[in-house]
Amino acid sequence: MALLYSAGSAKAEPVAVPGFGAIAPQPAAAPAPARSVTVAGLGTFPVPDGVPPVVGIPGVTDNPAPAAVPDRPTTGERAVRAARSKLGTAYRMGGTGPDSFDCSGLVQWSYREAGVELPRTSQGQLAVGTPVGVDELRPGDLVSFYGGGHSALYAGEGRIIHASTYGVGVTETELGDMPITGARRY
């Protein structure tokens, strides 16, 4: 059966077809059901939502809807998770973890936990990766402060995780608490 539409009209109107009478356009097909049933020798058939699973019938297989695949965290999100696990850890100049960190040591350790090797120093970390604007930051992006002398990981929602200084250690603070030099994505 063919549907006929008037030229230039977005709305489908019933059309008189000789020998068939008026044929009304059919509404758009509903989305395919999420599950189906296979009947041996006959084929696979859609099952409407709300119909309970078919069990115990010989030759009939209930095909459940595919399970949703959970989103896999990005490398940056994994680095943030690693850094967050070290909140409260002591600051030590030259510290590379896991018991104490300086700022670049925390960034390097966090990314190593996420499977990425980064340079050891803040300046080295700022020299690699893809530059990103502050308005484009995503969790895990490196944020550099004080002319490239201090590194932190962007944690999302305007916050950073960094190894601050003696007596403070690894902490989470506001992004705007220090003068930003640049940002990188790895």
C-alpha atoms as a PDB file:
ATOM      1  CA  MET A   1       0.000   0.000   0.000  1.00  0.00           C
ATOM      2  CA  ALA A   2       1.336   3.430  -0.863  1.00  0.00           C
ATOM      3  CA  LEU A   3       0.638   6.571   1.089  1.00  0.00           C
ATOM      4  CA  LEU A   4      -0.076   9.628  -0.980  1.00  0.00           C
ATOM      5  CA  TYR A   5       0.663  13.107   0.243  1.00  0.00           C
ATOM      6  CA  SER A   6      -0.280  16.400  -1.316  1.00  0.00           C
ATOM      7  CA  ALA A   7       2.720  18.273  -2.632  1.00  0.00           C
ATOM      8  CA  GLY A   8       3.980  20.961  -0.295  1.00  0.00           C
ATOM      9  CA  SER A   9       1.875  19.768   2.628  1.00  0.00           C
ATOM     10  CA  ALA A  10       3.434  18.520   5.819  1.00  0.00           C
ATOM     11  CA  LYS A  11       0.089  17.052   6.875  1.00  0.00           C
ATOM     12  CA  ALA A  12      -1.058  13.782   5.326  1.00  0.00           C
ATOM     13  CA  GLU A  13      -4.694  13.794   4.198  1.00  0.00           C
ATOM     14  CA  PRO A  14      -6.880  10.751   3.366  1.00  0.00           C
ATOM     15  CA  VAL A  15      -6.739   9.965  -0.342  1.00  0.00           C
ATOM     16  CA  ALA A  16      -9.420   8.282  -2.458  1.00  0.00           C
ATOM     17  CA  VAL A  17      -7.963   5.315  -4.314  1.00  0.00           C
ATOM     18  CA  PRO A  18     -10.169   3.701  -6.984  1.00  0.00           C
ATOM     19  CA  GLY A  19     -11.236   0.218  -5.906  1.00  0.00           C
ATOM     20  CA  PHE A  20     -10.133   0.820  -2.288  1.00  0.00           C
ATOM     21  CA  GLY A  21     -12.065   3.884  -1.139  1.00  0.00           C
ATOM     22  CA  ALA A  22     -10.465   6.484   1.119  1.00  0.00           C
ATOM     23  CA  ILE A  23      -7.114   5.507   2.551  1.00  0.00           C
ATOM     24  CA  ALA A  24      -6.024   7.406   5.641  1.00  0.00           C
ATOM     25  CA  PRO A  25      -2.338   7.787   6.391  1.00  0.00           C
ATOM     26  CA  GLN A  26      -1.068   5.626   9.226  1.00  0.00           C
ATOM     27  CA  PRO A  27       0.501   7.177  12.313  1.00  0.00           C
ATOM     28  CA  ALA A  28       4.259   6.826  12.721  1.00  0.00           C
ATOM     29  CA  ALA A  29       5.288   3.406  13.915  1.00  0.00           C
ATOM     30  CA  ALA A  30       5.865   3.041  17.639  1.00  0.00           C
ATOM     31  CA  PRO A  31       9.433   2.406  18.737  1.00  0.00           C
ATOM     32  CA  ALA A  32      10.495  -1.217  18.677  1.00  0.00           C
ATOM     33  CA  PRO A  33       9.826  -3.110  21.895  1.00  0.00           C
ATOM     34  CA  ALA A  34      12.806  -3.646  24.123  1.00  0.00           C
ATOM     35  CA  ARG A  35      12.428  -7.428  24.141  1.00  0.00           C
ATOM     36  CA  SER A  36      11.321 -10.211  21.852  1.00  0.00           C
ATOM     37  CA  VAL A  37      10.318 -13.881  21.900  1.00  0.00           C
ATOM     38  CA  THR A  38      11.733 -16.483  19.521  1.00  0.00           C
ATOM     39  CA  VAL A  39       9.436 -19.384  18.622  1.00  0.00           C
ATOM     40  CA  ALA A  40      11.287 -22.352  17.098  1.00  0.00           C
ATOM     41  CA  GLY A  41      10.366 -22.761  13.434  1.00  0.00           C
ATOM     42  CA  LEU A  42       8.349 -19.528  13.292  1.00  0.00           C
ATOM     43  CA  GLY A  43      10.705 -16.660  14.034  1.00  0.00           C
ATOM     44  CA  THR A  44      11.216 -13.809  16.448  1.00  0.00           C
ATOM     45  CA  PHE A  45       8.367 -11.588  17.570  1.00  0.00           C
ATOM     46  CA  PRO A  46       8.284  -8.301  19.497  1.00  0.00           C
ATOM     47  CA  VAL A  47       6.839  -8.351  23.007  1.00  0.00           C
ATOM     48  CA  PRO A  48       5.017  -5.247  24.286  1.00  0.00           C
ATOM     49  CA  ASP A  49       6.189  -3.621  27.478  1.00  0.00           C
ATOM     50  CA  GLY A  50       4.505  -4.989  30.579  1.00  0.00           C
ATOM     51  CA  VAL A  51       4.124  -8.585  29.347  1.00  0.00           C
ATOM     52  CA  PRO A  52       5.772 -10.911  31.888  1.00  0.00           C
ATOM     53  CA  PRO A  53       8.716 -13.085  30.777  1.00  0.00           C
ATOM     54  CA  VAL A  54       7.828 -16.280  28.926  1.00  0.00           C
ATOM     55  CA  VAL A  55       9.205 -19.331  30.743  1.00  0.00           C
ATOM     56  CA  GLY A  56       8.646 -23.063  30.629  1.00  0.00           C
ATOM     57  CA  ILE A  57       7.221 -23.320  27.106  1.00  0.00           C
ATOM     58  CA  PRO A  58       9.158 -25.777  24.917  1.00  0.00           C
ATOM     59  CA  GLY A  59      10.568 -24.135  21.767  1.00  0.00           C
ATOM     60  CA  VAL A  60       9.987 -20.602  23.041  1.00  0.00           C
ATOM     61  CA  THR A  61      12.905 -18.403  24.082  1.00  0.00           C
ATOM     62  CA  ASP A  62      12.373 -15.057  25.793  1.00  0.00           C
ATOM     63  CA  ASN A  63      15.002 -12.583  24.579  1.00  0.00           C
ATOM     64  CA  PRO A  64      15.410  -9.953  27.294  1.00  0.00           C
ATOM     65  CA  ALA A  65      16.221  -6.396  26.409  1.00  0.00           C
ATOM     66  CA  PRO A  66      19.921  -5.790  26.152  1.00  0.00           C
ATOM     67  CA  ALA A  67      21.351  -4.646  29.450  1.00  0.00           C
ATOM     68  CA  ALA A  68      22.390  -1.039  29.520  1.00  0.00           C
ATOM     69  CA  VAL A  69      26.140  -0.672  29.259  1.00  0.00           C
ATOM     70  CA  PRO A  70      27.322   1.531  32.093  1.00  0.00           C
ATOM     71  CA  ASP A  71      29.315   4.588  31.086  1.00  0.00           C
ATOM     72  CA  ARG A  72      33.011   3.957  31.520  1.00  0.00           C
ATOM     73  CA  PRO A  73      34.747   6.731  33.431  1.00  0.00           C
ATOM     74  CA  THR A  74      37.159   8.856  31.415  1.00  0.00           C
ATOM     75  CA  THR A  75      40.870   8.834  32.169  1.00  0.00           C
ATOM     76  CA  GLY A  76      40.459  12.230  33.824  1.00  0.00           C
ATOM     77  CA  GLU A  77      37.602  10.990  36.016  1.00  0.00           C
ATOM     78  CA  ARG A  78      39.750   8.029  37.087  1.00  0.00           C
ATOM     79  CA  ALA A  79      42.596  10.432  37.950  1.00  0.00           C
ATOM     80  CA  VAL A  80      40.206  12.551  40.044  1.00  0.00           C
ATOM     81  CA  ARG A  81      38.976   9.434  41.850  1.00  0.00           C
ATOM     82  CA  ALA A  82      42.595   8.530  42.663  1.00  0.00           C
ATOM     83  CA  ALA A  83      43.368  12.066  43.875  1.00  0.00           C
ATOM     84  CA  ARG A  84      40.198  12.172  45.955  1.00  0.00           C
ATOM     85  CA  SER A  85      41.301   8.949  47.681  1.00  0.00           C
ATOM     86  CA  LYS A  86      44.322  10.906  48.974  1.00  0.00           C
ATOM     87  CA  LEU A  87      42.437  13.842  50.539  1.00  0.00           C
ATOM     88  CA  GLY A  88      44.070  14.596  53.880  1.00  0.00           C
ATOM     89  CA  THR A  89      47.417  13.036  52.918  1.00  0.00           C
ATOM     90  CA  ALA A  90      50.448  15.047  54.072  1.00  0.00           C
ATOM     91  CA  TYR A  91      52.292  17.583  51.925  1.00  0.00           C
ATOM     92  CA  ARG A  92      56.020  17.051  51.418  1.00  0.00           C
ATOM     93  CA  MET A  93      58.191  18.934  48.925  1.00  0.00           C
ATOM     94  CA  GLY A  94      59.284  16.364  46.341  1.00  0.00           C
ATOM     95  CA  GLY A  95      56.633  13.894  47.532  1.00  0.00           C
ATOM     96  CA  THR A  96      55.363  11.524  44.874  1.00  0.00           C
ATOM     97  CA  GLY A  97      53.080   9.385  47.053  1.00  0.00           C
ATOM     98  CA  PRO A  98      51.451   7.368  48.200  1.00  0.00           C
ATOM     99  CA  ASP A  99      52.025   8.654  51.774  1.00  0.00           C
ATOM    100  CA  SER A 100      52.922  12.286  50.984  1.00  0.00           C
ATOM    101  CA  PHE A 101      52.783  14.539  47.944  1.00  0.00           C
ATOM    102  CA  ASP A 102      53.772  17.853  46.523  1.00  0.00           C
ATOM    103  CA  CYS A 103      51.414  19.360  43.948  1.00  0.00           C
ATOM    104  CA  SER A 104      52.927  17.884  40.790  1.00  0.00           C
ATOM    105  CA  GLY A 105      53.601  14.586  42.564  1.00  0.00           C
ATOM    106  CA  LEU A 106      49.871  14.252  43.313  1.00  0.00           C
ATOM    107  CA  VAL A 107      48.945  14.981  39.681  1.00  0.00           C
ATOM    108  CA  GLN A 108      51.561  12.533  38.390  1.00  0.00           C
ATOM    109  CA  TRP A 109      50.523   9.800  40.873  1.00  0.00           C
ATOM    110  CA  SER A 110      46.800  10.274  40.137  1.00  0.00           C
ATOM    111  CA  TYR A 111      47.301   9.987  36.399  1.00  0.00           C
ATOM    112  CA  ARG A 112      49.607   6.998  36.826  1.00  0.00           C
ATOM    113  CA  GLU A 113      46.771   5.318  38.752  1.00  0.00           C
ATOM    114  CA  ALA A 114      44.564   6.093  35.724  1.00  0.00           C
ATOM    115  CA  GLY A 115      47.124   4.566  33.348  1.00  0.00           C
ATOM    116  CA  VAL A 116      48.858   7.705  32.020  1.00  0.00           C
ATOM    117  CA  GLU A 117      52.473   8.778  32.609  1.00  0.00           C
ATOM    118  CA  LEU A 118      53.044  12.510  33.070  1.00  0.00           C
ATOM    119  CA  PRO A 119      56.174  14.596  33.671  1.00  0.00           C
ATOM    120  CA  ARG A 120      57.262  15.051  37.291  1.00  0.00           C
ATOM    121  CA  THR A 121      57.224  18.851  37.585  1.00  0.00           C
ATOM    122  CA  SER A 122      54.418  21.389  37.357  1.00  0.00           C
ATOM    123  CA  GLN A 123      56.141  23.138  34.450  1.00  0.00           C
ATOM    124  CA  GLY A 124      56.608  19.814  32.647  1.00  0.00           C
ATOM    125  CA  GLN A 125      52.931  18.921  33.158  1.00  0.00           C
ATOM    126  CA  LEU A 126      51.842  22.293  31.746  1.00  0.00           C
ATOM    127  CA  ALA A 127      54.074  21.733  28.689  1.00  0.00           C
ATOM    128  CA  VAL A 128      52.272  18.537  27.589  1.00  0.00           C
ATOM    129  CA  GLY A 129      48.663  17.667  26.777  1.00  0.00           C
ATOM    130  CA  THR A 130      46.028  19.666  24.939  1.00  0.00           C
ATOM    131  CA  PRO A 131      45.448  23.262  26.062  1.00  0.00           C
ATOM    132  CA  VAL A 132      41.884  23.927  27.247  1.00  0.00           C
ATOM    133  CA  GLY A 133      40.147  27.100  28.322  1.00  0.00           C
ATOM    134  CA  VAL A 134      38.965  27.528  31.889  1.00  0.00           C
ATOM    135  CA  ASP A 135      35.381  27.581  30.605  1.00  0.00           C
ATOM    136  CA  GLU A 136      35.943  24.153  28.970  1.00  0.00           C
ATOM    137  CA  LEU A 137      37.351  22.302  32.002  1.00  0.00           C
ATOM    138  CA  ARG A 138      36.333  18.700  32.587  1.00  0.00           C
ATOM    139  CA  PRO A 139      37.081  16.535  35.623  1.00  0.00           C
ATOM    140  CA  GLY A 140      40.710  15.460  35.510  1.00  0.00           C
ATOM    141  CA  ASP A 141      42.046  18.415  33.538  1.00  0.00           C
ATOM    142  CA  LEU A 142      45.279  19.845  34.914  1.00  0.00           C
ATOM    143  CA  VAL A 143      44.960  23.419  36.135  1.00  0.00           C
ATOM    144  CA  SER A 144      48.212  25.339  36.521  1.00  0.00           C
ATOM    145  CA  PHE A 145      48.600  28.304  38.864  1.00  0.00           C
ATOM    146  CA  TYR A 146      51.187  30.964  39.746  1.00  0.00           C
ATOM    147  CA  GLY A 147      52.893  31.080  36.344  1.00  0.00           C
ATOM    148  CA  GLY A 148      53.148  27.302  36.079  1.00  0.00           C
ATOM    149  CA  GLY A 149      54.602  26.709  39.550  1.00  0.00           C
ATOM    150  CA  HIS A 150      51.592  24.898  41.061  1.00  0.00           C
ATOM    151  CA  SER A 151      49.492  22.017  39.647  1.00  0.00           C
ATOM    152  CA  ALA A 152      46.014  20.778  40.533  1.00  0.00           C
ATOM    153  CA  LEU A 153      43.344  18.484  39.110  1.00  0.00           C
ATOM    154  CA  TYR A 154      39.998  19.959  38.186  1.00  0.00           C
ATOM    155  CA  ALA A 155      37.405  17.982  40.175  1.00  0.00           C
ATOM    156  CA  GLY A 156      34.279  19.448  38.555  1.00  0.00           C
ATOM    157  CA  GLU A 157      31.725  21.997  39.751  1.00  0.00           C
ATOM    158  CA  GLY A 158      34.338  24.751  40.088  1.00  0.00           C
ATOM    159  CA  ARG A 159      36.606  22.788  42.463  1.00  0.00           C
ATOM    160  CA  ILE A 160      40.170  21.483  42.343  1.00  0.00           C
ATOM    161  CA  ILE A 161      42.123  18.833  44.242  1.00  0.00           C
ATOM    162  CA  HIS A 162      45.743  19.681  44.994  1.00  0.00           C
ATOM    163  CA  ALA A 163      48.570  19.128  47.437  1.00  0.00           C
ATOM    164  CA  SER A 164      48.514  22.541  49.070  1.00  0.00           C
ATOM    165  CA  THR A 165      51.310  23.109  51.571  1.00  0.00           C
ATOM    166  CA  TYR A 166      52.695  21.925  54.906  1.00  0.00           C
ATOM    167  CA  GLY A 167      49.984  21.535  57.521  1.00  0.00           C
ATOM    168  CA  VAL A 168      47.232  21.374  54.892  1.00  0.00           C
ATOM    169  CA  GLY A 169      48.230  18.523  52.587  1.00  0.00           C
ATOM    170  CA  VAL A 170      45.943  17.198  49.863  1.00  0.00           C
ATOM    171  CA  THR A 171      42.758  19.214  49.856  1.00  0.00           C
ATOM    172  CA  GLU A 172      39.801  20.180  47.694  1.00  0.00           C
ATOM    173  CA  THR A 173      39.259  23.913  47.203  1.00  0.00           C
ATOM    174  CA  GLU A 174      37.626  26.423  44.873  1.00  0.00           C
ATOM    175  CA  LEU A 175      39.113  26.830  41.395  1.00  0.00           C
ATOM    176  CA  GLY A 176      39.275  30.613  41.722  1.00  0.00           C
ATOM    177  CA  ASP A 177      41.272  30.670  44.983  1.00  0.00           C
ATOM    178  CA  MET A 178      44.593  31.077  43.107  1.00  0.00           C
ATOM    179  CA  PRO A 179      45.663  32.895  39.898  1.00  0.00           C
ATOM    180  CA  ILE A 180      45.242  30.492  36.958  1.00  0.00           C
ATOM    181  CA  THR A 181      48.035  30.208  34.395  1.00  0.00           C
ATOM    182  CA  GLY A 182      46.570  27.590  32.072  1.00  0.00           C
ATOM    183  CA  ALA A 183      44.945  24.178  31.781  1.00  0.00           C
ATOM    184  CA  ARG A 184      45.696  20.929  29.953  1.00  0.00           C
ATOM    185  CA  ARG A 185      43.768  17.798  29.066  1.00  0.00           C
ATOM    186  CA  TYR A 186      45.561  14.441  28.827  1.00  0.00           C
END
